[in-house]
Structure formats: structure tokens, C-alpha cells
Amino acid sequence: MKIYSWNVNGIRAVHKKGLLQEFVAKHQPDVLCLQETKANQEQIEVDLLDYEEYWCSAERKGYSGTAIFTKETPLDVRLGLPQHIIKKSKLTDIYGDTTTEGRVIAVEFEGFFVATVYTPNAKDDLSRIAMRQQWDPSFLAYMQELETEKPVIFCGDFNVAHTELDLARPKENKGNKGFTDEERAGFDAMEEAGFVDTFRTLHPEGDNYTWWSHWGAARERNVGWRIDYVMVSEPLLPLVKHARIHPEVMGSDHCPVSIDISL
């Protein structure tokens, strides 16, 4: 099974240019998880043959949002964080209510879950760090809850570079958004809970990134960040045959990431 994740930074633009269709035709993902769709389903007719579509859009138009396209019909589809987890956390701040921003979808298959997340950005002035310290454990609690039922594969834009290997200029960016101690600790907690970073496990070397700034020809020079991940429950790790980053796929400031897993 091929599971892909891609922050498309606006699905309507990527679709209009034909880049989404080209990508799907070439890579043929079995499950495609998208982040930052910036659209409601009724605003665009994607119509990818052989795929069912499940959308979790933000209440605010043209903002955030996630979607999952799958060839196999899921047993269940769960949009957003569960209410009992939301009630335990403070997930609203001056920028709005993150639970209305379409940031999480989970789909259930026979032997496992696939979930996708678009983690809130900490902001340049780190004004959302306090909320991130609520969001990260809330999302992790949800993944752990799903794991009590079945193993979990979760992927998406986590908006954090975990280690110095995960960005081209760690010294210059230490303490900046995406590379603060608080955000990195949120990722540490996922690993401590038994979830595995598939790409880093299979590729211990650096210089592999998934997001690049639009400034200074950063993508051409590969001055980037790895902030998009596919994580799996530890028992699934032996089934992961490949974990890849696809920097050649254009259309967004992010590129897709994927795993091939024997399920």
C-alpha cells in the first residue's frame, strides 16, 4: 500500500494547473492525505478516478483544511479532534479556534487507521507557542486513543523540524518558529509514545527537506526544512518497505512524502 502526504498550499491552484492530476497519475497513491487545502469540497470538482474523497474544511473560507483521497472505502471516517479531548485543552487563542480549522481527519481500515494533520504554525513572533503546547499533546492523545483500537499511520505537516538534521541552517534558526525547544519537545513526545518517524529511521542522513522558502532560490539551492512526516505505530515499522520524499513534485512550497507498507 502506498500512502502519500502533501501540503498543497491551496488545492484549487494545484488542480487548475493540472499538477495534482499529473502527480496522482504518476504516483498512484492508495491513500493520499492533503493539508492546507484552503477550500470546501463544493468549491472544486477534483474528480480523481478510483478515489473516494473525505474533506475536513475550515469554517473560515480559504484557510487551512485537510482532505483524504482513498482507493479503498474506509470502515469509518472521523473529522477533527474528539470532543472529550478538546474539552481538556485550550485550543483557542487570539488567532481563532483551531478545532474549527479542519486540521485533522482519521479514516479506519480493516487493520489500521490512517490520520492526517495540519499542525498550527507557531507564528514568526512565537505568539502561538502557548497554543502549540496544548495542540501537540492533544493530537498525540488522539493518536494514542486510536492506537488502543488498531495500529495507526499518521502523516502531515507538523510545522516543526525535529532535529538539526531536519533543516539546512539549524544554528541560524534555533529558537525560531518551527525549531523551538517547545515544538521539538512535542515531537519527542510522539516518539516516546512509541510512534516512529519512518523517513528518518530508514534515512539517517541529512539534506532531505520537504519545505522551502520562496525567497533566495531556496528550493533550487535545497536550503529547506523537513517538517512533513509519516509516523507509524512501532509494530508497523517492519512492514514499511520504503519511506520517500519527492522534491521533484512541484505546485506547492512543500513536496509530498510517502511510505510503501505491506498491509
Protein backbone atom coordinates (compact mmCIF):
# COMPACT_ATOMS: atom_id res chain seq x y z
CA MET A 1 0.00 0.00 0.00
CA LYS A 2 1.29 3.44 -0.97
CA ILE A 3 0.41 6.24 1.45
CA TYR A 4 1.26 9.81 0.47
CA SER A 5 1.02 13.12 2.28
CA TRP A 6 1.23 16.56 0.65
CA ASN A 7 0.66 20.09 1.88
CA VAL A 8 -0.68 21.52 -1.38
CA ASN A 9 -0.92 25.13 -0.14
CA GLY A 10 -4.23 25.58 -1.94
CA ILE A 11 -5.80 22.65 -3.78
CA ARG A 12 -7.66 24.81 -6.28
CA ALA A 13 -4.46 26.33 -7.69
CA VAL A 14 -2.64 22.98 -7.88
CA HIS A 15 -5.67 21.38 -9.54
CA LYS A 16 -6.22 24.24 -12.00
CA LYS A 17 -2.61 23.91 -13.20
CA GLY A 18 -3.10 20.15 -13.69
CA LEU A 19 -0.30 19.37 -11.24
CA LEU A 20 -2.44 17.39 -8.81
CA GLN A 21 -3.80 15.18 -11.58
CA GLU A 22 -0.32 14.70 -13.03
CA PHE A 23 1.06 13.74 -9.62
CA VAL A 24 -1.71 11.22 -8.91
CA ALA A 25 -1.45 9.67 -12.38
CA LYS A 26 2.30 9.16 -11.97
CA HIS A 27 2.48 8.02 -8.33
CA GLN A 28 -0.88 6.24 -7.95
CA PRO A 29 -1.18 6.53 -4.17
CA ASP A 30 -3.60 4.16 -2.49
CA VAL A 31 -4.24 6.80 0.17
CA LEU A 32 -3.47 10.48 -0.43
CA CYS A 33 -3.55 12.83 2.55
CA LEU A 34 -3.64 16.56 1.80
CA GLN A 35 -3.11 19.56 4.05
CA GLU A 36 -3.76 23.27 3.63
CA THR A 37 -6.45 22.64 1.03
CA LYS A 38 -7.87 26.16 1.55
CA ALA A 39 -11.22 25.09 0.10
CA ASN A 40 -14.52 23.42 0.81
CA GLN A 41 -15.39 20.35 -1.26
CA GLU A 42 -18.22 22.16 -3.05
CA GLN A 43 -15.78 24.81 -4.29
CA ILE A 44 -13.87 22.40 -6.52
CA GLU A 45 -14.61 19.26 -8.51
CA VAL A 46 -11.45 17.21 -8.21
CA ASP A 47 -12.96 14.01 -9.61
CA LEU A 48 -9.94 11.71 -9.39
CA LEU A 49 -10.98 8.40 -10.89
CA ASP A 50 -10.96 5.43 -8.49
CA TYR A 51 -10.78 7.66 -5.39
CA GLU A 52 -13.28 8.46 -2.68
CA GLU A 53 -12.93 11.93 -1.13
CA TYR A 54 -13.21 12.93 2.52
CA TRP A 55 -12.81 16.60 3.44
CA CYS A 56 -12.41 18.47 6.71
CA SER A 57 -12.55 22.15 5.81
CA ALA A 58 -12.13 25.23 7.96
CA GLU A 59 -15.14 27.32 8.85
CA ARG A 60 -13.12 30.32 7.66
CA LYS A 61 -13.14 30.39 3.85
CA GLY A 62 -9.87 29.85 2.00
CA TYR A 63 -7.94 28.80 5.08
CA SER A 64 -6.28 25.64 6.41
CA GLY A 65 -8.20 22.39 5.80
CA THR A 66 -7.36 18.75 5.16
CA ALA A 67 -8.61 16.00 2.86
CA ILE A 68 -8.06 12.30 2.30
CA PHE A 69 -8.47 10.58 -1.07
CA THR A 70 -8.55 6.80 -0.92
CA LYS A 71 -8.99 3.93 -3.35
CA GLU A 72 -10.34 1.66 -0.61
CA THR A 73 -13.59 2.51 1.12
CA PRO A 74 -12.88 3.11 4.81
CA LEU A 75 -14.91 1.49 7.56
CA ASP A 76 -15.25 4.85 9.29
CA VAL A 77 -14.27 8.50 8.83
CA ARG A 78 -13.63 10.78 11.80
CA LEU A 79 -13.31 14.53 11.29
CA GLY A 80 -11.48 16.73 13.79
CA LEU A 81 -10.32 16.01 17.31
CA PRO A 82 -12.79 14.21 19.61
CA GLN A 83 -14.85 16.48 21.83
CA HIS A 84 -13.63 14.88 25.06
CA ILE A 85 -10.03 15.74 24.10
CA ILE A 86 -10.97 19.26 23.03
CA LYS A 87 -12.64 19.90 26.39
CA LYS A 88 -9.43 19.04 28.26
CA SER A 89 -7.30 21.57 26.36
CA LYS A 90 -7.17 25.27 25.49
CA LEU A 91 -7.08 25.15 21.71
CA THR A 92 -8.41 28.65 21.07
CA ASP A 93 -6.25 31.78 21.11
CA ILE A 94 -6.21 35.30 19.68
CA TYR A 95 -5.98 33.88 16.16
CA GLY A 96 -9.08 31.72 16.48
CA ASP A 97 -10.32 28.26 17.35
CA THR A 98 -8.00 25.61 15.93
CA THR A 99 -10.74 23.00 16.28
CA THR A 100 -12.80 24.78 13.58
CA GLU A 101 -9.91 24.95 11.12
CA GLY A 102 -10.25 21.49 9.55
CA ARG A 103 -6.88 20.27 10.78
CA VAL A 104 -7.43 16.54 11.41
CA ILE A 105 -9.00 13.58 9.59
CA ALA A 106 -8.76 9.90 10.52
CA VAL A 107 -10.02 7.04 8.37
CA GLU A 108 -10.36 3.48 9.61
CA PHE A 109 -9.50 0.43 7.53
CA GLU A 110 -9.69 -3.26 8.40
CA GLY A 111 -6.43 -3.49 10.32
CA PHE A 112 -5.26 0.08 10.87
CA PHE A 113 -6.04 3.80 10.90
CA VAL A 114 -4.65 6.49 8.63
CA ALA A 115 -4.80 10.02 10.01
CA THR A 116 -3.58 13.33 8.68
CA VAL A 117 -2.86 16.60 10.46
CA TYR A 118 -2.11 20.19 9.58
CA THR A 119 -0.46 21.41 12.76
CA PRO A 120 -0.91 25.13 13.58
CA ASN A 121 2.05 27.38 12.81
CA ALA A 122 3.72 28.97 15.84
CA LYS A 123 3.94 32.37 14.03
CA ASP A 124 7.06 34.44 13.41
CA ASP A 125 6.79 36.12 16.82
CA LEU A 126 6.08 32.75 18.50
CA SER A 127 2.70 34.06 19.64
CA ARG A 128 1.14 30.65 19.06
CA ILE A 129 3.68 28.66 21.05
CA ALA A 130 1.39 28.54 24.08
CA MET A 131 -1.39 27.09 21.97
CA ARG A 132 1.03 24.63 20.33
CA GLN A 133 1.85 23.35 23.81
CA GLN A 134 -1.84 22.48 24.07
CA TRP A 135 -2.29 21.26 20.50
CA ASP A 136 0.65 18.86 20.29
CA PRO A 137 -0.32 16.76 23.35
CA SER A 138 -3.99 16.86 22.32
CA PHE A 139 -3.24 15.46 18.89
CA LEU A 140 -0.90 12.87 20.39
CA ALA A 141 -3.59 11.83 22.87
CA TYR A 142 -5.94 11.26 19.93
CA MET A 143 -3.40 9.10 18.08
CA GLN A 144 -2.82 7.08 21.26
CA GLU A 145 -6.55 6.66 21.66
CA LEU A 146 -6.88 5.34 18.11
CA GLU A 147 -3.95 3.02 18.77
CA THR A 148 -5.90 1.30 21.54
CA GLU A 149 -8.19 0.06 18.73
CA LYS A 150 -5.73 -0.60 15.88
CA PRO A 151 -2.22 0.42 14.76
CA VAL A 152 -2.01 3.96 13.40
CA ILE A 153 -0.29 5.64 10.47
CA PHE A 154 -0.42 9.41 10.75
CA CYS A 155 1.09 11.98 8.47
CA GLY A 156 1.03 15.61 7.51
CA ASP A 157 2.60 19.00 8.01
CA PHE A 158 3.75 19.05 11.65
CA ASN A 159 5.29 22.54 11.34
CA VAL A 160 8.45 21.53 13.19
CA ALA A 161 11.92 20.38 12.24
CA HIS A 162 12.67 17.74 14.82
CA THR A 163 16.47 17.69 14.89
CA GLU A 164 19.36 19.63 13.39
CA LEU A 165 19.37 17.12 10.52
CA ASP A 166 15.92 18.36 9.55
CA LEU A 167 16.84 21.85 8.39
CA ALA A 168 19.66 23.27 6.34
CA ARG A 169 20.62 26.03 8.80
CA PRO A 170 19.96 24.85 12.34
CA LYS A 171 22.30 27.29 14.12
CA GLU A 172 20.73 30.35 12.49
CA ASN A 173 17.19 29.10 13.16
CA LYS A 174 17.47 27.79 16.71
CA GLY A 175 14.61 29.33 18.68
CA ASN A 176 12.76 30.46 15.57
CA LYS A 177 9.29 29.15 14.72
CA GLY A 178 9.47 25.54 13.65
CA PHE A 179 12.67 24.96 15.60
CA THR A 180 11.93 25.98 19.17
CA ASP A 181 12.57 23.72 22.12
CA GLU A 182 8.83 23.61 22.81
CA GLU A 183 7.88 22.42 19.32
CA ARG A 184 10.70 19.90 19.20
CA ALA A 185 9.62 18.55 22.60
CA GLY A 186 6.18 17.92 21.11
CA PHE A 187 7.80 15.68 18.51
CA ASP A 188 9.94 13.99 21.16
CA ALA A 189 6.72 13.08 22.97
CA MET A 190 5.37 11.30 19.91
CA GLU A 191 8.48 9.15 19.68
CA GLU A 192 8.43 8.49 23.42
CA ALA A 193 4.85 7.28 22.99
CA GLY A 194 6.10 4.66 20.53
CA PHE A 195 5.41 6.29 17.17
CA VAL A 196 8.21 6.07 14.61
CA ASP A 197 9.45 8.67 12.12
CA THR A 198 9.60 6.42 9.07
CA PHE A 199 11.83 8.55 6.86
CA ARG A 200 14.46 9.29 9.48
CA THR A 201 14.54 5.63 10.55
CA LEU A 202 15.29 4.49 7.01
CA HIS A 203 17.36 7.54 6.01
CA PRO A 204 19.66 8.68 8.84
CA GLU A 205 21.45 11.18 6.59
CA GLY A 206 20.67 14.89 6.26
CA ASP A 207 19.93 17.22 3.32
CA ASN A 208 16.42 15.83 2.81
CA TYR A 209 13.78 18.53 3.08
CA THR A 210 10.06 18.93 2.40
CA TRP A 211 9.53 22.70 2.57
CA TRP A 212 11.44 25.64 1.13
CA SER A 213 11.00 29.38 1.44
CA HIS A 214 10.06 31.31 -1.69
CA TRP A 215 12.99 33.63 -1.02
CA GLY A 216 16.54 33.41 -2.34
CA ALA A 217 16.01 30.43 -4.66
CA ALA A 218 15.90 28.26 -1.54
CA ARG A 219 14.38 25.27 -3.31
CA GLU A 220 16.90 25.35 -6.15
CA ARG A 221 19.72 25.51 -3.60
CA ASN A 222 18.00 22.95 -1.33
CA VAL A 223 18.06 25.28 1.67
CA GLY A 224 15.00 23.75 3.27
CA TRP A 225 13.26 22.20 6.23
CA ARG A 226 11.83 18.72 6.82
CA ILE A 227 8.51 19.46 8.50
CA ASP A 228 6.29 16.87 6.76
CA TYR A 229 6.31 13.35 8.19
CA VAL A 230 4.77 9.90 8.05
CA MET A 231 4.68 8.31 11.51
CA VAL A 232 3.65 4.74 12.31
CA SER A 233 2.88 2.68 15.37
CA GLU A 234 6.02 0.74 16.23
CA PRO A 235 4.54 -2.70 15.38
CA LEU A 236 4.02 -1.49 11.80
CA LEU A 237 7.65 -0.49 11.26
CA PRO A 238 8.80 -3.92 9.94
CA LEU A 239 6.11 -3.62 7.26
CA VAL A 240 7.44 -0.30 5.93
CA LYS A 241 9.41 -1.10 2.77
CA HIS A 242 10.21 2.44 1.64
CA ALA A 243 9.94 5.97 3.02
CA ARG A 244 10.47 8.73 0.50
CA ILE A 245 10.49 12.47 -0.07
CA HIS A 246 9.52 13.70 -3.54
CA PRO A 247 11.17 17.11 -4.12
CA GLU A 248 10.66 16.85 -7.89
CA VAL A 249 6.89 17.27 -7.45
CA MET A 250 6.05 20.94 -7.98
CA GLY A 251 2.97 23.02 -7.28
CA SER A 252 3.47 23.95 -3.62
CA ASP A 253 6.17 25.24 -1.29
CA HIS A 254 6.00 21.73 0.23
CA CYS A 255 6.67 18.47 -1.60
CA PRO A 256 4.95 15.13 -0.96
CA VAL A 257 6.27 12.47 1.39
CA SER A 258 5.30 8.79 1.26
CA ILE A 259 5.70 5.28 2.53
CA ASP A 260 5.22 1.89 0.90
CA ILE A 261 3.89 -0.52 3.50
CA SER A 262 2.88 -4.17 3.27
CA LEU A 263 -0.67 -4.12 4.56
